[in-house]
Amino acid sequence: MNNNVTMADIDRSLTPGDRLFIQTGSQLGWLNQAFQGFGDFADCYQNCALTLIDGALQDRSQRDYNIYPILFLIRHYVDLNLLFC
Protein backbone atom coordinates (compact mmCIF):
# COMPACT_ATOMS: atom_id res chain seq x y z
CA MET A 1 0.00 0.00 0.00
CA ASN A 2 1.49 3.31 -1.10
CA ASN A 3 0.35 6.34 0.92
CA ASN A 4 2.71 8.83 -0.71
CA VAL A 5 1.16 12.07 -1.97
CA THR A 6 2.32 13.08 -5.42
CA MET A 7 2.19 16.44 -7.18
CA ALA A 8 -0.61 15.03 -9.32
CA ASP A 9 -2.66 14.49 -6.15
CA ILE A 10 -2.06 18.07 -5.08
CA ASP A 11 -2.91 19.40 -8.53
CA ARG A 12 -6.26 17.58 -8.43
CA SER A 13 -7.19 19.24 -5.14
CA LEU A 14 -6.74 22.74 -6.55
CA THR A 15 -9.30 24.43 -8.75
CA PRO A 16 -8.75 27.33 -11.15
CA GLY A 17 -8.57 30.58 -9.24
CA ASP A 18 -7.25 29.00 -6.00
CA ARG A 19 -4.23 30.76 -4.53
CA LEU A 20 -1.73 28.94 -2.34
CA PHE A 21 -0.46 32.09 -0.67
CA ILE A 22 -2.82 34.86 0.37
CA GLN A 23 -2.24 38.13 2.14
CA THR A 24 -4.47 38.54 5.21
CA GLY A 25 -3.89 41.91 6.81
CA SER A 26 -0.25 42.07 7.87
CA GLN A 27 0.20 38.29 7.85
CA LEU A 28 0.97 35.91 5.02
CA GLY A 29 -1.17 32.79 5.15
CA TRP A 30 -1.18 29.51 3.26
CA LEU A 31 -4.57 28.15 2.28
CA ASN A 32 -6.26 30.59 4.66
CA GLN A 33 -4.22 29.43 7.68
CA ALA A 34 -2.35 32.35 9.25
CA PHE A 35 0.76 31.52 11.27
CA GLN A 36 1.53 33.73 14.23
CA GLY A 37 5.21 32.97 14.65
CA PHE A 38 8.09 30.64 13.95
CA GLY A 39 6.87 28.31 16.69
CA ASP A 40 3.90 27.48 14.47
CA PHE A 41 6.26 26.58 11.65
CA ALA A 42 8.30 24.45 14.04
CA ASP A 43 5.15 22.59 15.06
CA CYS A 44 4.41 21.92 11.38
CA TYR A 45 7.85 20.38 10.89
CA GLN A 46 7.29 18.21 13.96
CA ASN A 47 3.83 17.09 12.80
CA CYS A 48 5.18 16.14 9.38
CA ALA A 49 8.06 14.20 10.91
CA LEU A 50 5.71 12.33 13.24
CA THR A 51 3.41 11.49 10.33
CA LEU A 52 6.33 10.04 8.38
CA ILE A 53 7.51 8.12 11.45
CA ASP A 54 4.03 6.63 11.94
CA GLY A 55 3.95 5.59 8.30
CA ALA A 56 7.40 4.01 8.54
CA LEU A 57 6.40 2.07 11.67
CA GLN A 58 3.31 0.71 9.93
CA ASP A 59 5.02 -0.10 6.60
CA ARG A 60 8.61 -1.34 6.83
CA SER A 61 9.18 -0.74 3.12
CA GLN A 62 8.87 3.02 3.71
CA ARG A 63 11.65 3.22 6.30
CA ASP A 64 14.51 3.61 3.85
CA TYR A 65 12.60 6.22 1.88
CA ASN A 66 11.49 8.24 4.89
CA ILE A 67 14.61 8.39 7.06
CA TYR A 68 16.23 11.41 5.39
CA PRO A 69 13.05 13.50 5.18
CA ILE A 70 12.35 12.63 8.83
CA LEU A 71 15.82 13.78 9.88
CA PHE A 72 15.47 16.94 7.77
CA LEU A 73 12.13 17.80 9.38
CA ILE A 74 13.35 17.08 12.93
CA ARG A 75 16.47 19.18 12.38
CA HIS A 76 14.41 22.17 11.26
CA TYR A 77 11.96 21.66 14.11
CA VAL A 78 14.83 21.78 16.62
CA ASP A 79 16.47 24.75 14.86
CA LEU A 80 13.33 26.85 14.93
CA ASN A 81 12.65 25.99 18.56
CA LEU A 82 16.18 26.90 19.59
CA LEU A 83 16.20 30.15 17.62
CA PHE A 84 12.73 31.55 18.19
CA CYS A 85 10.95 29.84 21.07
PDB file of N, CA and C in Angstrom:
ATOM      1  N   MET A   1       0.846  -1.178   0.000  1.00  0.00           N
ATOM      2  CA  MET A   1       0.000   0.000   0.000  1.00  0.00           C
ATOM      3  C   MET A   1       0.889   1.237   0.000  1.00  0.00           C
ATOM      4  N   ASN A   2       0.680   2.113  -0.967  1.00  0.00           N
ATOM      5  CA  ASN A   2       1.489   3.309  -1.102  1.00  0.00           C
ATOM      6  C   ASN A   2       0.665   4.525  -0.688  1.00  0.00           C
ATOM      7  N   ASN A   3       1.068   5.184   0.407  1.00  0.00           N
ATOM      8  CA  ASN A   3       0.345   6.344   0.919  1.00  0.00           C
ATOM      9  C   ASN A   3       1.020   7.657   0.557  1.00  0.00           C
ATOM     10  N   ASN A   4       1.985   7.620  -0.356  1.00  0.00           N
ATOM     11  CA  ASN A   4       2.708   8.832  -0.707  1.00  0.00           C
ATOM     12  C   ASN A   4       1.813   9.767  -1.514  1.00  0.00           C
ATOM     13  N   VAL A   5       1.899  11.048  -1.223  1.00  0.00           N
ATOM     14  CA  VAL A   5       1.163  12.066  -1.970  1.00  0.00           C
ATOM     15  C   VAL A   5       2.068  12.570  -3.075  1.00  0.00           C
ATOM     16  N   THR A   6       1.550  12.604  -4.285  1.00  0.00           N
ATOM     17  CA  THR A   6       2.324  13.084  -5.424  1.00  0.00           C
ATOM     18  C   THR A   6       1.837  14.469  -5.828  1.00  0.00           C
ATOM     19  N   MET A   7       2.612  15.135  -6.681  1.00  0.00           N
ATOM     20  CA  MET A   7       2.192  16.444  -7.177  1.00  0.00           C
ATOM     21  C   MET A   7       0.879  16.341  -7.941  1.00  0.00           C
ATOM     22  N   ALA A   8       0.652  15.202  -8.608  1.00  0.00           N
ATOM     23  CA  ALA A   8      -0.612  15.028  -9.324  1.00  0.00           C
ATOM     24  C   ALA A   8      -1.784  15.041  -8.355  1.00  0.00           C
ATOM     25  N   ASP A   9      -1.600  14.465  -7.160  1.00  0.00           N
ATOM     26  CA  ASP A   9      -2.662  14.485  -6.146  1.00  0.00           C
ATOM     27  C   ASP A   9      -2.945  15.911  -5.689  1.00  0.00           C
ATOM     28  N   ILE A  10      -1.900  16.684  -5.514  1.00  0.00           N
ATOM     29  CA  ILE A  10      -2.064  18.066  -5.078  1.00  0.00           C
ATOM     30  C   ILE A  10      -2.745  18.874  -6.174  1.00  0.00           C
ATOM     31  N   ASP A  11      -2.317  18.666  -7.417  1.00  0.00           N
ATOM     32  CA  ASP A  11      -2.908  19.397  -8.529  1.00  0.00           C
ATOM     33  C   ASP A  11      -4.400  19.139  -8.637  1.00  0.00           C
ATOM     34  N   ARG A  12      -4.839  17.907  -8.343  1.00  0.00           N
ATOM     35  CA  ARG A  12      -6.256  17.583  -8.432  1.00  0.00           C
ATOM     36  C   ARG A  12      -7.061  18.266  -7.345  1.00  0.00           C
ATOM     37  N   SER A  13      -6.442  18.613  -6.232  1.00  0.00           N
ATOM     38  CA  SER A  13      -7.186  19.236  -5.143  1.00  0.00           C
ATOM     39  C   SER A  13      -7.367  20.735  -5.343  1.00  0.00           C
ATOM     40  N   LEU A  14      -6.629  21.316  -6.280  1.00  0.00           N
ATOM     41  CA  LEU A  14      -6.741  22.743  -6.549  1.00  0.00           C
ATOM     42  C   LEU A  14      -7.687  22.971  -7.723  1.00  0.00           C
ATOM     43  N   THR A  15      -8.409  24.057  -7.651  1.00  0.00           N
ATOM     44  CA  THR A  15      -9.295  24.426  -8.748  1.00  0.00           C
ATOM     45  C   THR A  15      -8.828  25.759  -9.315  1.00  0.00           C
ATOM     46  N   PRO A  16      -9.171  26.040 -10.565  1.00  0.00           N
ATOM     47  CA  PRO A  16      -8.752  27.327 -11.151  1.00  0.00           C
ATOM     48  C   PRO A  16      -9.197  28.493 -10.277  1.00  0.00           C
ATOM     49  N   GLY A  17      -8.292  29.420 -10.067  1.00  0.00           N
ATOM     50  CA  GLY A  17      -8.572  30.581  -9.237  1.00  0.00           C
ATOM     51  C   GLY A  17      -8.093  30.429  -7.800  1.00  0.00           C
ATOM     52  N   ASP A  18      -7.784  29.195  -7.351  1.00  0.00           N
ATOM     53  CA  ASP A  18      -7.251  29.000  -6.004  1.00  0.00           C
ATOM     54  C   ASP A  18      -5.862  29.611  -5.918  1.00  0.00           C
ATOM     55  N   ARG A  19      -5.545  30.187  -4.766  1.00  0.00           N
ATOM     56  CA  ARG A  19      -4.229  30.757  -4.527  1.00  0.00           C
ATOM     57  C   ARG A  19      -3.622  30.065  -3.316  1.00  0.00           C
ATOM     58  N   LEU A  20      -2.388  29.593  -3.459  1.00  0.00           N
ATOM     59  CA  LEU A  20      -1.727  28.936  -2.339  1.00  0.00           C
ATOM     60  C   LEU A  20      -1.355  29.928  -1.253  1.00  0.00           C
ATOM     61  N   PHE A  21      -0.874  31.088  -1.639  1.00  0.00           N
ATOM     62  CA  PHE A  21      -0.457  32.093  -0.674  1.00  0.00           C
ATOM     63  C   PHE A  21      -1.392  33.286  -0.775  1.00  0.00           C
ATOM     64  N   ILE A  22      -1.914  33.713   0.356  1.00  0.00           N
ATOM     65  CA  ILE A  22      -2.818  34.862   0.371  1.00  0.00           C
ATOM     66  C   ILE A  22      -2.330  35.852   1.413  1.00  0.00           C
ATOM     67  N   GLN A  23      -2.602  37.096   1.183  1.00  0.00           N
ATOM     68  CA  GLN A  23      -2.241  38.133   2.136  1.00  0.00           C
ATOM     69  C   GLN A  23      -3.471  38.449   2.990  1.00  0.00           C
ATOM     70  N   THR A  24      -3.353  38.250   4.303  1.00  0.00           N
ATOM     71  CA  THR A  24      -4.466  38.545   5.206  1.00  0.00           C
ATOM     72  C   THR A  24      -3.997  39.597   6.197  1.00  0.00           C
ATOM     73  N   GLY A  25      -4.341  40.837   5.941  1.00  0.00           N
ATOM     74  CA  GLY A  25      -3.886  41.907   6.813  1.00  0.00           C
ATOM     75  C   GLY A  25      -2.381  42.045   6.721  1.00  0.00           C
ATOM     76  N   SER A  26      -1.708  41.952   7.858  1.00  0.00           N
ATOM     77  CA  SER A  26      -0.255  42.066   7.870  1.00  0.00           C
ATOM     78  C   SER A  26       0.428  40.705   7.917  1.00  0.00           C
ATOM     79  N   GLN A  27      -0.354  39.637   7.757  1.00  0.00           N
ATOM     80  CA  GLN A  27       0.202  38.292   7.851  1.00  0.00           C
ATOM     81  C   GLN A  27       0.068  37.582   6.514  1.00  0.00           C
ATOM     82  N   LEU A  28       1.036  36.743   6.208  1.00  0.00           N
ATOM     83  CA  LEU A  28       0.973  35.913   5.020  1.00  0.00           C
ATOM     84  C   LEU A  28       0.450  34.555   5.440  1.00  0.00           C
ATOM     85  N   GLY A  29      -0.586  34.084   4.796  1.00  0.00           N
ATOM     86  CA  GLY A  29      -1.172  32.793   5.151  1.00  0.00           C
ATOM     87  C   GLY A  29      -1.140  31.834   3.979  1.00  0.00           C
ATOM     88  N   TRP A  30      -1.161  30.543   4.283  1.00  0.00           N
ATOM     89  CA  TRP A  30      -1.178  29.510   3.259  1.00  0.00           C
ATOM     90  C   TRP A  30      -2.496  28.784   3.367  1.00  0.00           C
ATOM     91  N   LEU A  31      -3.254  28.784   2.304  1.00  0.00           N
ATOM     92  CA  LEU A  31      -4.571  28.148   2.277  1.00  0.00           C
ATOM     93  C   LEU A  31      -5.436  28.632   3.434  1.00  0.00           C
ATOM     94  N   ASN A  32      -5.439  29.922   3.652  1.00  0.00           N
ATOM     95  CA  ASN A  32      -6.262  30.588   4.665  1.00  0.00           C
ATOM     96  C   ASN A  32      -5.854  30.263   6.108  1.00  0.00           C
ATOM     97  N   GLN A  33      -4.694  29.728   6.325  1.00  0.00           N
ATOM     98  CA  GLN A  33      -4.216  29.435   7.680  1.00  0.00           C
ATOM     99  C   GLN A  33      -3.095  30.413   8.013  1.00  0.00           C
ATOM    100  N   ALA A  34      -3.357  31.351   8.883  1.00  0.00           N
ATOM    101  CA  ALA A  34      -2.348  32.349   9.253  1.00  0.00           C
ATOM    102  C   ALA A  34      -1.480  31.814  10.392  1.00  0.00           C
ATOM    103  N   PHE A  35      -0.178  31.919  10.233  1.00  0.00           N
ATOM    104  CA  PHE A  35       0.756  31.518  11.271  1.00  0.00           C
ATOM    105  C   PHE A  35       1.132  32.752  12.070  1.00  0.00           C
ATOM    106  N   GLN A  36       1.237  32.596  13.361  1.00  0.00           N
ATOM    107  CA  GLN A  36       1.526  33.732  14.226  1.00  0.00           C
ATOM    108  C   GLN A  36       3.007  33.889  14.518  1.00  0.00           C
ATOM    109  N   GLY A  37       3.796  32.860  14.344  1.00  0.00           N
ATOM    110  CA  GLY A  37       5.211  32.968  14.647  1.00  0.00           C
ATOM    111  C   GLY A  37       5.967  31.749  14.176  1.00  0.00           C
ATOM    112  N   PHE A  38       7.272  31.748  14.398  1.00  0.00           N
ATOM    113  CA  PHE A  38       8.087  30.635  13.950  1.00  0.00           C
ATOM    114  C   PHE A  38       7.799  29.364  14.738  1.00  0.00           C
ATOM    115  N   GLY A  39       7.250  29.493  15.925  1.00  0.00           N
ATOM    116  CA  GLY A  39       6.868  28.308  16.694  1.00  0.00           C
ATOM    117  C   GLY A  39       5.810  27.496  15.975  1.00  0.00           C
ATOM    118  N   ASP A  40       4.914  28.182  15.254  1.00  0.00           N
ATOM    119  CA  ASP A  40       3.903  27.478  14.469  1.00  0.00           C
ATOM    120  C   ASP A  40       4.553  26.692  13.338  1.00  0.00           C
ATOM    121  N   PHE A  41       5.543  27.292  12.691  1.00  0.00           N
ATOM    122  CA  PHE A  41       6.263  26.577  11.646  1.00  0.00           C
ATOM    123  C   PHE A  41       7.010  25.383  12.228  1.00  0.00           C
ATOM    124  N   ALA A  42       7.600  25.554  13.389  1.00  0.00           N
ATOM    125  CA  ALA A  42       8.302  24.454  14.044  1.00  0.00           C
ATOM    126  C   ALA A  42       7.337  23.303  14.317  1.00  0.00           C
ATOM    127  N   ASP A  43       6.147  23.626  14.798  1.00  0.00           N
ATOM    128  CA  ASP A  43       5.151  22.585  15.060  1.00  0.00           C
ATOM    129  C   ASP A  43       4.772  21.849  13.786  1.00  0.00           C
ATOM    130  N   CYS A  44       4.724  22.560  12.662  1.00  0.00           N
ATOM    131  CA  CYS A  44       4.409  21.917  11.383  1.00  0.00           C
ATOM    132  C   CYS A  44       5.498  20.924  10.988  1.00  0.00           C
ATOM    133  N   TYR A  45       6.759  21.307  11.170  1.00  0.00           N
ATOM    134  CA  TYR A  45       7.853  20.382  10.889  1.00  0.00           C
ATOM    135  C   TYR A  45       7.745  19.141  11.771  1.00  0.00           C
ATOM    136  N   GLN A  46       7.423  19.333  13.042  1.00  0.00           N
ATOM    137  CA  GLN A  46       7.293  18.208  13.957  1.00  0.00           C
ATOM    138  C   GLN A  46       6.130  17.304  13.536  1.00  0.00           C
ATOM    139  N   ASN A  47       4.990  17.889  13.203  1.00  0.00           N
ATOM    140  CA  ASN A  47       3.832  17.095  12.802  1.00  0.00           C
ATOM    141  C   ASN A  47       4.121  16.274  11.553  1.00  0.00           C
ATOM    142  N   CYS A  48       4.819  16.879  10.602  1.00  0.00           N
ATOM    143  CA  CYS A  48       5.176  16.144   9.385  1.00  0.00           C
ATOM    144  C   CYS A  48       6.129  14.998   9.692  1.00  0.00           C
ATOM    145  N   ALA A  49       7.118  15.253  10.538  1.00  0.00           N
ATOM    146  CA  ALA A  49       8.064  14.195  10.911  1.00  0.00           C
ATOM    147  C   ALA A  49       7.341  13.053  11.609  1.00  0.00           C
ATOM    148  N   LEU A  50       6.443  13.375  12.524  1.00  0.00           N
ATOM    149  CA  LEU A  50       5.707  12.333  13.240  1.00  0.00           C
ATOM    150  C   LEU A  50       4.802  11.536  12.304  1.00  0.00           C
ATOM    151  N   THR A  51       4.234  12.195  11.315  1.00  0.00           N
ATOM    152  CA  THR A  51       3.411  11.493  10.330  1.00  0.00           C
ATOM    153  C   THR A  51       4.255  10.511   9.533  1.00  0.00           C
ATOM    154  N   LEU A  52       5.443  10.935   9.109  1.00  0.00           N
ATOM    155  CA  LEU A  52       6.332  10.036   8.383  1.00  0.00           C
ATOM    156  C   LEU A  52       6.815   8.887   9.256  1.00  0.00           C
ATOM    157  N   ILE A  53       7.082   9.170  10.520  1.00  0.00           N
ATOM    158  CA  ILE A  53       7.510   8.116  11.446  1.00  0.00           C
ATOM    159  C   ILE A  53       6.401   7.096  11.629  1.00  0.00           C
ATOM    160  N   ASP A  54       5.159   7.552  11.810  1.00  0.00           N
ATOM    161  CA  ASP A  54       4.032   6.627  11.944  1.00  0.00           C
ATOM    162  C   ASP A  54       3.891   5.744  10.710  1.00  0.00           C
ATOM    163  N   GLY A  55       4.040   6.358   9.538  1.00  0.00           N
ATOM    164  CA  GLY A  55       3.951   5.591   8.305  1.00  0.00           C
ATOM    165  C   GLY A  55       5.057   4.559   8.193  1.00  0.00           C
ATOM    166  N   ALA A  56       6.269   4.936   8.597  1.00  0.00           N
ATOM    167  CA  ALA A  56       7.397   4.007   8.544  1.00  0.00           C
ATOM    168  C   ALA A  56       7.231   2.865   9.541  1.00  0.00           C
ATOM    169  N   LEU A  57       6.628   3.133  10.680  1.00  0.00           N
ATOM    170  CA  LEU A  57       6.397   2.071  11.665  1.00  0.00           C
ATOM    171  C   LEU A  57       5.330   1.094  11.195  1.00  0.00           C
ATOM    172  N   GLN A  58       4.379   1.582  10.428  1.00  0.00           N
ATOM    173  CA  GLN A  58       3.311   0.711   9.928  1.00  0.00           C
ATOM    174  C   GLN A  58       3.729  -0.059   8.685  1.00  0.00           C
ATOM    175  N   ASP A  59       4.602   0.518   7.866  1.00  0.00           N
ATOM    176  CA  ASP A  59       5.020  -0.105   6.604  1.00  0.00           C
ATOM    177  C   ASP A  59       6.537  -0.096   6.526  1.00  0.00           C
ATOM    178  N   ARG A  60       7.146  -1.253   6.790  1.00  0.00           N
ATOM    179  CA  ARG A  60       8.606  -1.342   6.833  1.00  0.00           C
ATOM    180  C   ARG A  60       9.269  -0.921   5.528  1.00  0.00           C
ATOM    181  N   SER A  61       8.579  -1.088   4.410  1.00  0.00           N
ATOM    182  CA  SER A  61       9.183  -0.737   3.122  1.00  0.00           C
ATOM    183  C   SER A  61       9.398   0.762   2.980  1.00  0.00           C
ATOM    184  N   GLN A  62       8.737   1.573   3.789  1.00  0.00           N
ATOM    185  CA  GLN A  62       8.870   3.024   3.714  1.00  0.00           C
ATOM    186  C   GLN A  62      10.017   3.565   4.556  1.00  0.00           C
ATOM    187  N   ARG A  63      10.612   2.733   5.379  1.00  0.00           N
ATOM    188  CA  ARG A  63      11.649   3.222   6.297  1.00  0.00           C
ATOM    189  C   ARG A  63      12.858   3.807   5.582  1.00  0.00           C
ATOM    190  N   ASP A  64      13.338   3.108   4.565  1.00  0.00           N
ATOM    191  CA  ASP A  64      14.509   3.610   3.846  1.00  0.00           C
ATOM    192  C   ASP A  64      14.198   4.899   3.097  1.00  0.00           C
ATOM    193  N   TYR A  65      12.988   5.028   2.618  1.00  0.00           N
ATOM    194  CA  TYR A  65      12.600   6.223   1.879  1.00  0.00           C
ATOM    195  C   TYR A  65      12.378   7.417   2.803  1.00  0.00           C
ATOM    196  N   ASN A  66      11.911   7.165   3.994  1.00  0.00           N
ATOM    197  CA  ASN A  66      11.492   8.243   4.887  1.00  0.00           C
ATOM    198  C   ASN A  66      12.565   8.740   5.840  1.00  0.00           C
ATOM    199  N   ILE A  67      13.652   8.033   6.016  1.00  0.00           N
ATOM    200  CA  ILE A  67      14.608   8.388   7.058  1.00  0.00           C
ATOM    201  C   ILE A  67      15.210   9.775   6.833  1.00  0.00           C
ATOM    202  N   TYR A  68      15.611  10.107   5.609  1.00  0.00           N
ATOM    203  CA  TYR A  68      16.232  11.415   5.388  1.00  0.00           C
ATOM    204  C   TYR A  68      15.226  12.564   5.494  1.00  0.00           C
ATOM    205  N   PRO A  69      14.027  12.431   4.929  1.00  0.00           N
ATOM    206  CA  PRO A  69      13.049  13.500   5.176  1.00  0.00           C
ATOM    207  C   PRO A  69      12.701  13.657   6.656  1.00  0.00           C
ATOM    208  N   ILE A  70      12.638  12.556   7.390  1.00  0.00           N
ATOM    209  CA  ILE A  70      12.354  12.627   8.827  1.00  0.00           C
ATOM    210  C   ILE A  70      13.455  13.407   9.538  1.00  0.00           C
ATOM    211  N   LEU A  71      14.703  13.080   9.244  1.00  0.00           N
ATOM    212  CA  LEU A  71      15.822  13.779   9.877  1.00  0.00           C
ATOM    213  C   LEU A  71      15.847  15.257   9.486  1.00  0.00           C
ATOM    214  N   PHE A  72      15.546  15.568   8.228  1.00  0.00           N
ATOM    215  CA  PHE A  72      15.474  16.944   7.768  1.00  0.00           C
ATOM    216  C   PHE A  72      14.422  17.716   8.562  1.00  0.00           C
ATOM    217  N   LEU A  73      13.229  17.138   8.687  1.00  0.00           N
ATOM    218  CA  LEU A  73      12.133  17.805   9.380  1.00  0.00           C
ATOM    219  C   LEU A  73      12.434  17.992  10.867  1.00  0.00           C
ATOM    220  N   ILE A  74      13.012  16.981  11.502  1.00  0.00           N
ATOM    221  CA  ILE A  74      13.346  17.084  12.925  1.00  0.00           C
ATOM    222  C   ILE A  74      14.427  18.144  13.147  1.00  0.00           C
ATOM    223  N   ARG A  75      15.412  18.178  12.250  1.00  0.00           N
ATOM    224  CA  ARG A  75      16.473  19.180  12.383  1.00  0.00           C
ATOM    225  C   ARG A  75      15.888  20.592  12.322  1.00  0.00           C
ATOM    226  N   HIS A  76      15.005  20.833  11.381  1.00  0.00           N
ATOM    227  CA  HIS A  76      14.412  22.166  11.263  1.00  0.00           C
ATOM    228  C   HIS A  76      13.479  22.479  12.428  1.00  0.00           C
ATOM    229  N   TYR A  77      12.800  21.474  12.932  1.00  0.00           N
ATOM    230  CA  TYR A  77      11.961  21.656  14.111  1.00  0.00           C
ATOM    231  C   TYR A  77      12.818  22.107  15.297  1.00  0.00           C
ATOM    232  N   VAL A  78      13.932  21.432  15.512  1.00  0.00           N
ATOM    233  CA  VAL A  78      14.835  21.784  16.624  1.00  0.00           C
ATOM    234  C   VAL A  78      15.443  23.163  16.395  1.00  0.00           C
ATOM    235  N   ASP A  79      15.900  23.433  15.157  1.00  0.00           N
ATOM    236  CA  ASP A  79      16.475  24.746  14.856  1.00  0.00           C
ATOM    237  C   ASP A  79      15.510  25.887  15.171  1.00  0.00           C
ATOM    238  N   LEU A  80      14.296  25.772  14.693  1.00  0.00           N
ATOM    239  CA  LEU A  80      13.331  26.852  14.931  1.00  0.00           C
ATOM    240  C   LEU A  80      12.998  27.001  16.408  1.00  0.00           C
ATOM    241  N   ASN A  81      12.912  25.890  17.124  1.00  0.00           N
ATOM    242  CA  ASN A  81      12.647  25.988  18.558  1.00  0.00           C
ATOM    243  C   ASN A  81      13.803  26.620  19.309  1.00  0.00           C
ATOM    244  N   LEU A  82      15.019  26.305  18.920  1.00  0.00           N
ATOM    245  CA  LEU A  82      16.181  26.897  19.592  1.00  0.00           C
ATOM    246  C   LEU A  82      16.321  28.387  19.272  1.00  0.00           C
ATOM    247  N   LEU A  83      16.008  28.758  18.044  1.00  0.00           N
ATOM    248  CA  LEU A  83      16.198  30.145  17.618  1.00  0.00           C
ATOM    249  C   LEU A  83      15.085  31.085  18.065  1.00  0.00           C
ATOM    250  N   PHE A  84      13.844  30.620  18.044  1.00  0.00           N
ATOM    251  CA  PHE A  84      12.735  31.550  18.186  1.00  0.00           C
ATOM    252  C   PHE A  84      11.777  31.262  19.338  1.00  0.00           C
ATOM    253  N   CYS A  85      11.920  30.139  19.995  1.00  0.00           N
ATOM    254  CA  CYS A  85      10.953  29.838  21.069  1.00  0.00           C
ATOM    255  C   CYS A  85      11.555  30.039  22.428  1.00  0.00           C
TER     256      CYS A  85
END
